[in-house]
Amino acid sequence: MRRQRWFLPESPDVVGLLGRQVAVTAEGMDAFAAWAAGDAAAADAVRASEHAADAVKRDVLVALQAAFVLPLEPEDVFTISSGVDSMLNHAKDTIDEAEVMACPPDAALAEMTKLLGEAVHHLHEAIGKFGTDADATQPAEAAIKAERRHERAYRAGMAALLEIDDLREVTARRELYRRCARIGEGAVAVAERVIYAVVKES
């Protein structure tokens, strides 16, 4: 009698794709910081990264549907992927808003975007530790600390606006700062989801 052999379906590397999405996002956030530091041409790099990250996000969702075994729950993958996607979308929108309002970035915005980029790099490190024996919570917590420094830079920037008499400039810069604040909130949400995913698996 012939034995019937059963094979498990090949499982796509969902976490690897998620890491790729965060890597592309980190590249985009680095370009965002370069733009805020005065490199106007970096705006195109942010937009290109946003499109590339969207493509990888679609790959993550397709792989998530096909995956048989995952080192973390599908809901965690989806939430982290969506949160990271939102951050880069907000970065692109901030640049678009600055151009529409004819409001070039200033030193406060440069400091904020630098810290946001640092937070995303920590998130990338955290994702890379999923499925290994390494602790993903440490880089996730480092991302939260970077965002806390970003909050201080945001408050300092907002306070400095009180010294500006041009109401148009104040309104424009306040909007740009608030967009960065939303990116920071997104970074914390992703970091906390990473920590939650680790706690559930421990």
N, C-alpha and C. Protein backbone atom coordinates (compact mmCIF):
# COMPACT_ATOMS: atom_id res chain seq x y z
N MET A 1 0.84 -1.19 0.00
CA MET A 1 0.00 0.00 0.00
C MET A 1 0.88 1.24 0.00
N ARG A 2 0.61 2.14 -0.89
CA ARG A 2 1.40 3.36 -1.00
C ARG A 2 0.98 4.36 0.10
N ARG A 3 2.00 4.91 0.73
CA ARG A 3 1.72 5.92 1.74
C ARG A 3 1.46 7.27 1.08
N GLN A 4 0.45 7.93 1.55
CA GLN A 4 0.15 9.25 1.03
C GLN A 4 0.96 10.27 1.83
N ARG A 5 1.69 11.14 1.12
CA ARG A 5 2.54 12.12 1.79
C ARG A 5 1.83 13.46 1.82
N TRP A 6 1.91 14.07 2.95
CA TRP A 6 1.29 15.38 3.12
C TRP A 6 2.38 16.43 3.34
N PHE A 7 2.21 17.56 2.70
CA PHE A 7 3.18 18.64 2.82
C PHE A 7 2.45 19.89 3.29
N LEU A 8 3.10 20.60 4.20
CA LEU A 8 2.57 21.91 4.59
C LEU A 8 2.88 22.91 3.48
N PRO A 9 1.97 23.83 3.22
CA PRO A 9 2.24 24.82 2.18
C PRO A 9 3.41 25.71 2.58
N GLU A 10 4.16 26.15 1.58
CA GLU A 10 5.28 27.05 1.86
C GLU A 10 4.74 28.36 2.43
N SER A 11 5.29 28.78 3.55
CA SER A 11 4.80 29.98 4.21
C SER A 11 5.67 31.18 3.84
N PRO A 12 5.07 32.25 3.33
CA PRO A 12 5.86 33.43 2.95
C PRO A 12 6.45 34.11 4.17
N ASP A 13 7.53 34.84 3.96
CA ASP A 13 8.23 35.52 5.05
C ASP A 13 7.54 36.84 5.36
N VAL A 14 6.46 36.77 6.12
CA VAL A 14 5.68 37.96 6.44
C VAL A 14 6.49 38.96 7.25
N VAL A 15 7.20 38.46 8.25
CA VAL A 15 7.98 39.36 9.10
C VAL A 15 9.12 40.00 8.30
N GLY A 16 9.70 39.24 7.40
CA GLY A 16 10.75 39.80 6.54
C GLY A 16 10.21 40.93 5.67
N LEU A 17 9.01 40.74 5.13
CA LEU A 17 8.38 41.78 4.32
C LEU A 17 8.02 42.99 5.18
N LEU A 18 7.55 42.74 6.40
CA LEU A 18 7.24 43.83 7.31
C LEU A 18 8.51 44.64 7.62
N GLY A 19 9.60 43.91 7.82
CA GLY A 19 10.88 44.59 8.05
C GLY A 19 11.29 45.42 6.85
N ARG A 20 11.02 44.89 5.66
CA ARG A 20 11.35 45.64 4.44
C ARG A 20 10.52 46.92 4.37
N GLN A 21 9.25 46.83 4.73
CA GLN A 21 8.39 48.03 4.73
C GLN A 21 8.94 49.09 5.69
N VAL A 22 9.35 48.65 6.87
CA VAL A 22 9.88 49.61 7.85
C VAL A 22 11.21 50.17 7.37
N ALA A 23 12.02 49.35 6.68
CA ALA A 23 13.30 49.83 6.14
C ALA A 23 13.08 50.93 5.11
N VAL A 24 12.12 50.71 4.21
CA VAL A 24 11.80 51.73 3.20
C VAL A 24 11.27 52.99 3.88
N THR A 25 10.47 52.79 4.92
CA THR A 25 9.94 53.93 5.68
C THR A 25 11.07 54.71 6.34
N ALA A 26 12.05 54.00 6.88
CA ALA A 26 13.21 54.66 7.50
C ALA A 26 13.97 55.48 6.47
N GLU A 27 14.12 54.94 5.26
CA GLU A 27 14.78 55.70 4.19
C GLU A 27 14.00 56.97 3.88
N GLY A 28 12.68 56.83 3.84
CA GLY A 28 11.84 57.99 3.58
C GLY A 28 11.92 59.03 4.68
N MET A 29 11.98 58.57 5.93
CA MET A 29 12.07 59.50 7.04
C MET A 29 13.44 60.19 7.08
N ASP A 30 14.49 59.49 6.65
CA ASP A 30 15.80 60.13 6.53
C ASP A 30 15.76 61.24 5.48
N ALA A 31 15.06 60.96 4.38
CA ALA A 31 14.91 61.97 3.33
C ALA A 31 14.06 63.14 3.84
N PHE A 32 13.07 62.83 4.66
CA PHE A 32 12.22 63.86 5.26
C PHE A 32 13.08 64.79 6.13
N ALA A 33 13.97 64.21 6.92
CA ALA A 33 14.86 65.01 7.76
C ALA A 33 15.82 65.84 6.90
N ALA A 34 16.29 65.26 5.80
CA ALA A 34 17.17 66.00 4.90
C ALA A 34 16.44 67.19 4.28
N TRP A 35 15.19 66.96 3.91
CA TRP A 35 14.37 68.07 3.37
C TRP A 35 14.21 69.16 4.42
N ALA A 36 13.89 68.78 5.64
CA ALA A 36 13.69 69.77 6.70
C ALA A 36 14.98 70.51 7.04
N ALA A 37 16.12 69.87 6.77
CA ALA A 37 17.42 70.50 7.03
C ALA A 37 17.85 71.43 5.89
N GLY A 38 17.03 71.50 4.84
CA GLY A 38 17.33 72.44 3.76
C GLY A 38 17.54 71.85 2.38
N ASP A 39 17.50 70.53 2.26
CA ASP A 39 17.68 69.89 0.96
C ASP A 39 16.33 69.74 0.27
N ALA A 40 15.95 70.73 -0.53
CA ALA A 40 14.63 70.73 -1.17
C ALA A 40 14.43 69.53 -2.08
N ALA A 41 15.52 69.06 -2.71
CA ALA A 41 15.41 67.93 -3.63
C ALA A 41 15.03 66.64 -2.92
N ALA A 42 15.25 66.57 -1.60
CA ALA A 42 14.91 65.36 -0.85
C ALA A 42 13.41 65.11 -0.79
N ALA A 43 12.62 66.13 -1.12
CA ALA A 43 11.16 65.95 -1.13
C ALA A 43 10.77 64.85 -2.10
N ASP A 44 11.44 64.80 -3.25
CA ASP A 44 11.12 63.76 -4.24
C ASP A 44 11.49 62.37 -3.71
N ALA A 45 12.54 62.30 -2.92
CA ALA A 45 12.93 61.01 -2.34
C ALA A 45 11.88 60.54 -1.33
N VAL A 46 11.30 61.47 -0.59
CA VAL A 46 10.23 61.10 0.35
C VAL A 46 9.04 60.54 -0.41
N ARG A 47 8.66 61.21 -1.48
CA ARG A 47 7.52 60.74 -2.28
C ARG A 47 7.80 59.38 -2.90
N ALA A 48 9.02 59.18 -3.37
CA ALA A 48 9.38 57.89 -3.96
C ALA A 48 9.33 56.79 -2.90
N SER A 49 9.81 57.09 -1.71
CA SER A 49 9.78 56.10 -0.62
C SER A 49 8.35 55.77 -0.23
N GLU A 50 7.50 56.78 -0.24
CA GLU A 50 6.09 56.55 0.12
C GLU A 50 5.44 55.59 -0.86
N HIS A 51 5.71 55.76 -2.16
CA HIS A 51 5.16 54.85 -3.17
C HIS A 51 5.75 53.44 -3.00
N ALA A 52 7.06 53.37 -2.74
CA ALA A 52 7.71 52.07 -2.58
C ALA A 52 7.17 51.36 -1.34
N ALA A 53 6.96 52.10 -0.27
CA ALA A 53 6.44 51.50 0.96
C ALA A 53 5.02 51.00 0.77
N ASP A 54 4.22 51.72 -0.02
CA ASP A 54 2.86 51.26 -0.32
C ASP A 54 2.89 49.90 -1.01
N ALA A 55 3.84 49.74 -1.94
CA ALA A 55 3.95 48.48 -2.68
C ALA A 55 4.33 47.33 -1.73
N VAL A 56 5.26 47.60 -0.82
CA VAL A 56 5.66 46.55 0.12
C VAL A 56 4.53 46.24 1.09
N LYS A 57 3.78 47.27 1.49
CA LYS A 57 2.64 47.04 2.37
C LYS A 57 1.64 46.10 1.71
N ARG A 58 1.40 46.27 0.41
CA ARG A 58 0.49 45.35 -0.29
C ARG A 58 1.05 43.93 -0.27
N ASP A 59 2.36 43.81 -0.43
CA ASP A 59 2.99 42.49 -0.36
C ASP A 59 2.81 41.86 1.02
N VAL A 60 2.90 42.69 2.05
CA VAL A 60 2.71 42.20 3.42
C VAL A 60 1.31 41.63 3.58
N LEU A 61 0.31 42.35 3.08
CA LEU A 61 -1.08 41.91 3.22
C LEU A 61 -1.34 40.62 2.45
N VAL A 62 -0.77 40.52 1.25
CA VAL A 62 -0.94 39.31 0.45
C VAL A 62 -0.28 38.13 1.16
N ALA A 63 0.93 38.35 1.67
CA ALA A 63 1.65 37.28 2.37
C ALA A 63 0.92 36.89 3.65
N LEU A 64 0.32 37.86 4.30
CA LEU A 64 -0.39 37.59 5.55
C LEU A 64 -1.56 36.64 5.31
N GLN A 65 -2.21 36.79 4.17
CA GLN A 65 -3.34 35.91 3.83
C GLN A 65 -2.88 34.49 3.52
N ALA A 66 -1.64 34.37 3.01
CA ALA A 66 -1.16 33.06 2.57
C ALA A 66 -0.33 32.34 3.63
N ALA A 67 0.10 33.07 4.65
CA ALA A 67 1.02 32.49 5.63
C ALA A 67 0.34 31.39 6.44
N PHE A 68 1.09 30.33 6.68
CA PHE A 68 0.56 29.20 7.46
C PHE A 68 0.98 29.31 8.93
N VAL A 69 2.22 29.73 9.14
CA VAL A 69 2.75 29.88 10.49
C VAL A 69 3.42 31.24 10.59
N LEU A 70 3.15 31.95 11.69
CA LEU A 70 3.73 33.28 11.89
C LEU A 70 4.36 33.36 13.28
N PRO A 71 5.46 34.13 13.42
CA PRO A 71 6.05 34.31 14.75
C PRO A 71 5.27 35.31 15.62
N LEU A 72 4.28 35.96 15.03
CA LEU A 72 3.39 36.85 15.78
C LEU A 72 2.03 36.84 15.11
N GLU A 73 1.03 37.34 15.81
CA GLU A 73 -0.34 37.22 15.34
C GLU A 73 -0.61 38.14 14.15
N PRO A 74 -1.48 37.70 13.23
CA PRO A 74 -1.80 38.50 12.04
C PRO A 74 -2.29 39.91 12.39
N GLU A 75 -3.05 40.04 13.47
CA GLU A 75 -3.55 41.37 13.87
C GLU A 75 -2.40 42.31 14.21
N ASP A 76 -1.35 41.76 14.83
CA ASP A 76 -0.19 42.59 15.18
C ASP A 76 0.55 43.03 13.91
N VAL A 77 0.71 42.11 12.98
CA VAL A 77 1.37 42.44 11.72
C VAL A 77 0.59 43.55 10.99
N PHE A 78 -0.72 43.37 10.91
CA PHE A 78 -1.56 44.35 10.20
C PHE A 78 -1.48 45.72 10.87
N THR A 79 -1.56 45.74 12.20
CA THR A 79 -1.56 47.01 12.93
C THR A 79 -0.22 47.72 12.78
N ILE A 80 0.88 46.99 12.89
CA ILE A 80 2.21 47.58 12.75
C ILE A 80 2.40 48.11 11.32
N SER A 81 2.01 47.30 10.33
CA SER A 81 2.15 47.71 8.93
C SER A 81 1.35 48.97 8.64
N SER A 82 0.11 49.02 9.13
CA SER A 82 -0.74 50.19 8.90
C SER A 82 -0.19 51.42 9.60
N GLY A 83 0.32 51.24 10.82
CA GLY A 83 0.87 52.36 11.56
C GLY A 83 2.09 52.96 10.91
N VAL A 84 2.98 52.10 10.43
CA VAL A 84 4.19 52.56 9.76
C VAL A 84 3.82 53.28 8.46
N ASP A 85 2.86 52.72 7.74
CA ASP A 85 2.40 53.34 6.49
C ASP A 85 1.87 54.74 6.74
N SER A 86 1.13 54.92 7.80
CA SER A 86 0.56 56.22 8.13
C SER A 86 1.64 57.25 8.41
N MET A 87 2.73 56.85 9.03
CA MET A 87 3.81 57.78 9.36
C MET A 87 4.42 58.39 8.11
N LEU A 88 4.72 57.54 7.12
CA LEU A 88 5.34 58.05 5.90
C LEU A 88 4.34 58.87 5.08
N ASN A 89 3.08 58.49 5.13
CA ASN A 89 2.05 59.28 4.45
C ASN A 89 2.00 60.70 5.03
N HIS A 90 2.07 60.80 6.36
CA HIS A 90 2.04 62.10 7.00
C HIS A 90 3.29 62.92 6.65
N ALA A 91 4.42 62.25 6.53
CA ALA A 91 5.65 62.96 6.15
C ALA A 91 5.50 63.58 4.77
N LYS A 92 5.00 62.79 3.83
CA LYS A 92 4.78 63.30 2.47
C LYS A 92 3.78 64.46 2.49
N ASP A 93 2.71 64.30 3.26
CA ASP A 93 1.69 65.35 3.33
C ASP A 93 2.25 66.63 3.95
N THR A 94 3.17 66.49 4.89
CA THR A 94 3.79 67.67 5.50
C THR A 94 4.56 68.47 4.46
N ILE A 95 5.29 67.76 3.62
CA ILE A 95 6.04 68.44 2.56
C ILE A 95 5.09 69.12 1.58
N ASP A 96 4.04 68.40 1.19
CA ASP A 96 3.06 68.98 0.28
C ASP A 96 2.43 70.24 0.88
N GLU A 97 2.13 70.17 2.17
CA GLU A 97 1.52 71.31 2.85
C GLU A 97 2.48 72.49 2.89
N ALA A 98 3.74 72.22 3.17
CA ALA A 98 4.74 73.29 3.23
C ALA A 98 4.87 73.98 1.87
N GLU A 99 4.83 73.18 0.81
CA GLU A 99 4.95 73.76 -0.53
C GLU A 99 3.73 74.58 -0.89
N VAL A 100 2.55 74.09 -0.55
CA VAL A 100 1.31 74.81 -0.85
C VAL A 100 1.27 76.14 -0.11
N MET A 101 1.72 76.13 1.14
CA MET A 101 1.69 77.34 1.95
C MET A 101 2.92 78.21 1.76
N ALA A 102 3.84 77.77 0.90
CA ALA A 102 5.08 78.52 0.65
C ALA A 102 5.80 78.80 1.97
N CYS A 103 5.88 77.76 2.81
CA CYS A 103 6.49 77.88 4.13
C CYS A 103 7.65 76.90 4.23
N PRO A 104 8.87 77.34 3.97
CA PRO A 104 10.02 76.43 4.02
C PRO A 104 10.27 75.94 5.44
N PRO A 105 10.89 74.78 5.59
CA PRO A 105 11.18 74.25 6.94
C PRO A 105 12.16 75.14 7.69
N ASP A 106 12.06 75.10 9.01
CA ASP A 106 12.95 75.88 9.85
C ASP A 106 13.74 74.94 10.77
N ALA A 107 14.53 75.51 11.69
CA ALA A 107 15.38 74.71 12.56
C ALA A 107 14.55 73.80 13.47
N ALA A 108 13.40 74.29 13.93
CA ALA A 108 12.56 73.48 14.81
C ALA A 108 12.05 72.25 14.08
N LEU A 109 11.62 72.43 12.85
CA LEU A 109 11.12 71.30 12.06
C LEU A 109 12.26 70.32 11.76
N ALA A 110 13.45 70.86 11.52
CA ALA A 110 14.60 70.00 11.25
C ALA A 110 14.90 69.11 12.45
N GLU A 111 14.82 69.67 13.65
CA GLU A 111 15.07 68.89 14.86
C GLU A 111 13.99 67.82 15.04
N MET A 112 12.74 68.19 14.81
CA MET A 112 11.64 67.24 14.97
C MET A 112 11.79 66.06 14.01
N THR A 113 12.07 66.35 12.76
CA THR A 113 12.15 65.27 11.77
C THR A 113 13.36 64.38 12.01
N LYS A 114 14.44 64.94 12.52
CA LYS A 114 15.61 64.12 12.84
C LYS A 114 15.27 63.10 13.91
N LEU A 115 14.55 63.53 14.92
CA LEU A 115 14.16 62.62 16.00
C LEU A 115 13.12 61.60 15.55
N LEU A 116 12.25 62.01 14.64
CA LEU A 116 11.28 61.05 14.09
C LEU A 116 12.01 59.96 13.30
N GLY A 117 13.01 60.37 12.53
CA GLY A 117 13.81 59.39 11.79
C GLY A 117 14.51 58.42 12.73
N GLU A 118 15.03 58.94 13.84
CA GLU A 118 15.68 58.09 14.83
C GLU A 118 14.69 57.06 15.38
N ALA A 119 13.48 57.50 15.67
CA ALA A 119 12.46 56.59 16.19
C ALA A 119 12.16 55.47 15.20
N VAL A 120 12.04 55.79 13.93
CA VAL A 120 11.73 54.77 12.92
C VAL A 120 12.88 53.78 12.77
N HIS A 121 14.11 54.25 12.87
CA HIS A 121 15.24 53.31 12.80
C HIS A 121 15.21 52.35 13.98
N HIS A 122 14.82 52.82 15.14
CA HIS A 122 14.67 51.91 16.29
C HIS A 122 13.55 50.89 16.03
N LEU A 123 12.47 51.34 15.41
CA LEU A 123 11.38 50.43 15.08
C LEU A 123 11.85 49.36 14.09
N HIS A 124 12.67 49.76 13.14
CA HIS A 124 13.21 48.80 12.17
C HIS A 124 14.04 47.74 12.89
N GLU A 125 14.84 48.19 13.85
CA GLU A 125 15.64 47.24 14.63
C GLU A 125 14.74 46.28 15.40
N ALA A 126 13.66 46.82 15.96
CA ALA A 126 12.74 45.99 16.74
C ALA A 126 12.09 44.91 15.87
N ILE A 127 11.63 45.29 14.70
CA ILE A 127 10.98 44.32 13.80
C ILE A 127 11.95 43.22 13.41
N GLY A 128 13.22 43.59 13.24
CA GLY A 128 14.22 42.60 12.86
C GLY A 128 14.46 41.54 13.92
N LYS A 129 14.02 41.80 15.13
CA LYS A 129 14.23 40.84 16.21
C LYS A 129 13.06 39.85 16.37
N PHE A 130 11.96 40.10 15.66
CA PHE A 130 10.85 39.15 15.71
C PHE A 130 11.29 37.80 15.14
N GLY A 131 10.87 36.74 15.79
CA GLY A 131 11.21 35.41 15.32
C GLY A 131 12.61 34.97 15.72
N THR A 132 13.29 35.77 16.54
CA THR A 132 14.62 35.42 17.03
C THR A 132 14.57 35.37 18.57
N ASP A 133 15.71 35.06 19.15
CA ASP A 133 15.79 35.03 20.62
C ASP A 133 16.06 36.42 21.21
N ALA A 134 16.30 37.40 20.33
CA ALA A 134 16.61 38.75 20.80
C ALA A 134 15.34 39.46 21.29
N ASP A 135 15.53 40.43 22.16
CA ASP A 135 14.41 41.15 22.77
C ASP A 135 14.05 42.37 21.91
N ALA A 136 12.86 42.34 21.31
CA ALA A 136 12.41 43.45 20.46
C ALA A 136 11.91 44.62 21.28
N THR A 137 11.69 44.43 22.57
CA THR A 137 11.14 45.52 23.36
C THR A 137 12.15 46.64 23.59
N GLN A 138 13.44 46.31 23.66
CA GLN A 138 14.44 47.34 23.93
C GLN A 138 14.50 48.40 22.83
N PRO A 139 14.62 48.02 21.55
CA PRO A 139 14.59 49.06 20.52
C PRO A 139 13.23 49.75 20.41
N ALA A 140 12.16 49.03 20.74
CA ALA A 140 10.83 49.66 20.73
C ALA A 140 10.76 50.75 21.79
N GLU A 141 11.32 50.46 22.96
CA GLU A 141 11.35 51.46 24.02
C GLU A 141 12.27 52.62 23.65
N ALA A 142 13.34 52.34 22.91
CA ALA A 142 14.23 53.41 22.44
C ALA A 142 13.49 54.32 21.46
N ALA A 143 12.60 53.73 20.65
CA ALA A 143 11.79 54.54 19.73
C ALA A 143 10.88 55.48 20.51
N ILE A 144 10.31 54.98 21.58
CA ILE A 144 9.43 55.82 22.41
C ILE A 144 10.23 56.96 23.05
N LYS A 145 11.44 56.67 23.50
CA LYS A 145 12.28 57.71 24.09
C LYS A 145 12.64 58.78 23.06
N ALA A 146 12.92 58.36 21.82
CA ALA A 146 13.22 59.33 20.77
C ALA A 146 12.01 60.22 20.51
N GLU A 147 10.82 59.62 20.58
CA GLU A 147 9.62 60.41 20.34
C GLU A 147 9.38 61.38 21.50
N ARG A 148 9.75 61.00 22.71
CA ARG A 148 9.60 61.92 23.84
C ARG A 148 10.50 63.14 23.65
N ARG A 149 11.69 62.93 23.10
CA ARG A 149 12.56 64.08 22.79
C ARG A 149 11.95 64.91 21.67
N HIS A 150 11.29 64.23 20.75
CA HIS A 150 10.59 64.94 19.68
C HIS A 150 9.48 65.82 20.26
N GLU A 151 8.78 65.31 21.26
CA GLU A 151 7.73 66.10 21.91
C GLU A 151 8.29 67.38 22.51
N ARG A 152 9.47 67.28 23.12
CA ARG A 152 10.09 68.46 23.70
C ARG A 152 10.47 69.46 22.61
N ALA A 153 10.97 68.94 21.49
CA ALA A 153 11.32 69.82 20.37
C ALA A 153 10.07 70.48 19.80
N TYR A 154 8.98 69.73 19.78
CA TYR A 154 7.70 70.28 19.30
C TYR A 154 7.23 71.42 20.20
N ARG A 155 7.28 71.20 21.51
CA ARG A 155 6.83 72.25 22.43
C ARG A 155 7.72 73.49 22.34
N ALA A 156 9.02 73.27 22.19
CA ALA A 156 9.94 74.41 22.06
C ALA A 156 9.64 75.20 20.78
N GLY A 157 9.37 74.47 19.71
CA GLY A 157 9.04 75.13 18.45
C GLY A 157 7.75 75.92 18.54
N MET A 158 6.75 75.34 19.18
CA MET A 158 5.47 76.03 19.33
C MET A 158 5.63 77.28 20.20
N ALA A 159 6.44 77.17 21.25
CA ALA A 159 6.65 78.33 22.12
C ALA A 159 7.35 79.46 21.36
N ALA A 160 8.29 79.10 20.48
CA ALA A 160 9.03 80.11 19.72
C ALA A 160 8.12 80.87 18.75
N LEU A 161 7.02 80.25 18.36
CA LEU A 161 6.10 80.92 17.44
C LEU A 161 5.47 82.16 18.08
N LEU A 162 5.46 82.23 19.39
CA LEU A 162 4.90 83.39 20.09
C LEU A 162 5.70 84.66 19.82
N GLU A 163 6.95 84.47 19.38
CA GLU A 163 7.81 85.63 19.10
C GLU A 163 7.67 86.13 17.67
N ILE A 164 6.85 85.45 16.86
CA ILE A 164 6.70 85.83 15.45
C ILE A 164 5.43 86.66 15.29
N ASP A 165 5.57 87.80 14.64
CA ASP A 165 4.44 88.72 14.47
C ASP A 165 3.58 88.38 13.25
N ASP A 166 4.18 87.72 12.27
CA ASP A 166 3.46 87.41 11.03
C ASP A 166 2.47 86.26 11.29
N LEU A 167 1.19 86.58 11.34
CA LEU A 167 0.17 85.58 11.66
C LEU A 167 0.14 84.47 10.61
N ARG A 168 0.37 84.82 9.37
CA ARG A 168 0.37 83.82 8.30
C ARG A 168 1.47 82.79 8.54
N GLU A 169 2.66 83.25 8.89
CA GLU A 169 3.77 82.33 9.14
C GLU A 169 3.48 81.46 10.37
N VAL A 170 2.94 82.08 11.40
CA VAL A 170 2.62 81.33 12.61
C VAL A 170 1.63 80.21 12.31
N THR A 171 0.59 80.54 11.56
CA THR A 171 -0.43 79.55 11.22
C THR A 171 0.15 78.40 10.40
N ALA A 172 1.00 78.75 9.43
CA ALA A 172 1.59 77.73 8.57
C ALA A 172 2.54 76.82 9.36
N ARG A 173 3.39 77.41 10.16
CA ARG A 173 4.36 76.61 10.91
C ARG A 173 3.67 75.74 11.96
N ARG A 174 2.65 76.28 12.58
CA ARG A 174 1.91 75.49 13.56
C ARG A 174 1.31 74.25 12.92
N GLU A 175 0.81 74.40 11.69
CA GLU A 175 0.24 73.25 11.00
C GLU A 175 1.32 72.21 10.68
N LEU A 176 2.50 72.66 10.25
CA LEU A 176 3.59 71.73 9.95
C LEU A 176 4.05 71.02 11.23
N TYR A 177 4.17 71.76 12.32
CA TYR A 177 4.59 71.16 13.58
C TYR A 177 3.57 70.11 14.04
N ARG A 178 2.29 70.43 13.89
CA ARG A 178 1.25 69.49 14.32
C ARG A 178 1.26 68.23 13.48
N ARG A 179 1.57 68.35 12.21
CA ARG A 179 1.68 67.15 11.37
C ARG A 179 2.82 66.27 11.87
N CYS A 180 3.92 66.89 12.26
CA CYS A 180 5.03 66.11 12.81
C CYS A 180 4.62 65.46 14.13
N ALA A 181 3.83 66.17 14.91
CA ALA A 181 3.35 65.60 16.18
C ALA A 181 2.53 64.34 15.92
N ARG A 182 1.73 64.34 14.86
CA ARG A 182 0.93 63.15 14.54
C ARG A 182 1.83 61.98 14.12
N ILE A 183 2.92 62.30 13.43
CA ILE A 183 3.86 61.23 13.07
C ILE A 183 4.46 60.63 14.33
N GLY A 184 4.80 61.50 15.29
CA GLY A 184 5.35 61.02 16.55
C GLY A 184 4.38 60.13 17.30
N GLU A 185 3.12 60.51 17.31
CA GLU A 185 2.10 59.69 17.95
C GLU A 185 2.01 58.32 17.27
N GLY A 186 2.16 58.32 15.95
CA GLY A 186 2.15 57.05 15.22
C GLY A 186 3.32 56.17 15.58
N ALA A 187 4.49 56.78 15.79
CA ALA A 187 5.68 56.02 16.16
C ALA A 187 5.48 55.34 17.52
N VAL A 188 4.90 56.07 18.46
CA VAL A 188 4.64 55.49 19.78
C VAL A 188 3.63 54.35 19.68
N ALA A 189 2.59 54.53 18.87
CA ALA A 189 1.58 53.49 18.71
C ALA A 189 2.19 52.21 18.15
N VAL A 190 3.07 52.35 17.15
CA VAL A 190 3.73 51.17 16.58
C VAL A 190 4.64 50.52 17.60
N ALA A 191 5.43 51.33 18.31
CA ALA A 191 6.35 50.80 19.31
C ALA A 191 5.59 50.04 20.40
N GLU A 192 4.49 50.60 20.85
CA GLU A 192 3.71 49.95 21.90
C GLU A 192 3.07 48.65 21.39
N ARG A 193 2.73 48.63 20.11
CA ARG A 193 2.19 47.39 19.54
C ARG A 193 3.25 46.31 19.46
N VAL A 194 4.47 46.72 19.15
CA VAL A 194 5.59 45.77 19.15
C VAL A 194 5.77 45.17 20.54
N ILE A 195 5.76 46.04 21.55
CA ILE A 195 5.93 45.57 22.92
C ILE A 195 4.78 44.62 23.31
N TYR A 196 3.57 44.98 22.93
CA TYR A 196 2.40 44.15 23.23
C TYR A 196 2.52 42.78 22.56
N ALA A 197 2.99 42.78 21.30
CA ALA A 197 3.14 41.51 20.58
C ALA A 197 4.17 40.62 21.28
N VAL A 198 5.25 41.21 21.77
CA VAL A 198 6.28 40.44 22.47
C VAL A 198 5.71 39.87 23.77
N VAL A 199 4.97 40.69 24.51
CA VAL A 199 4.40 40.26 25.78
C VAL A 199 3.45 39.06 25.57
N LYS A 200 2.66 39.13 24.50
CA LYS A 200 1.71 38.04 24.23
C LYS A 200 2.44 36.73 23.92
N GLU A 201 3.59 36.83 23.28
CA GLU A 201 4.32 35.62 22.87
C GLU A 201 5.20 35.08 23.99
N SER A 202 5.40 35.87 25.05
CA SER A 202 6.32 35.43 26.12
C SER A 202 5.62 34.48 27.09
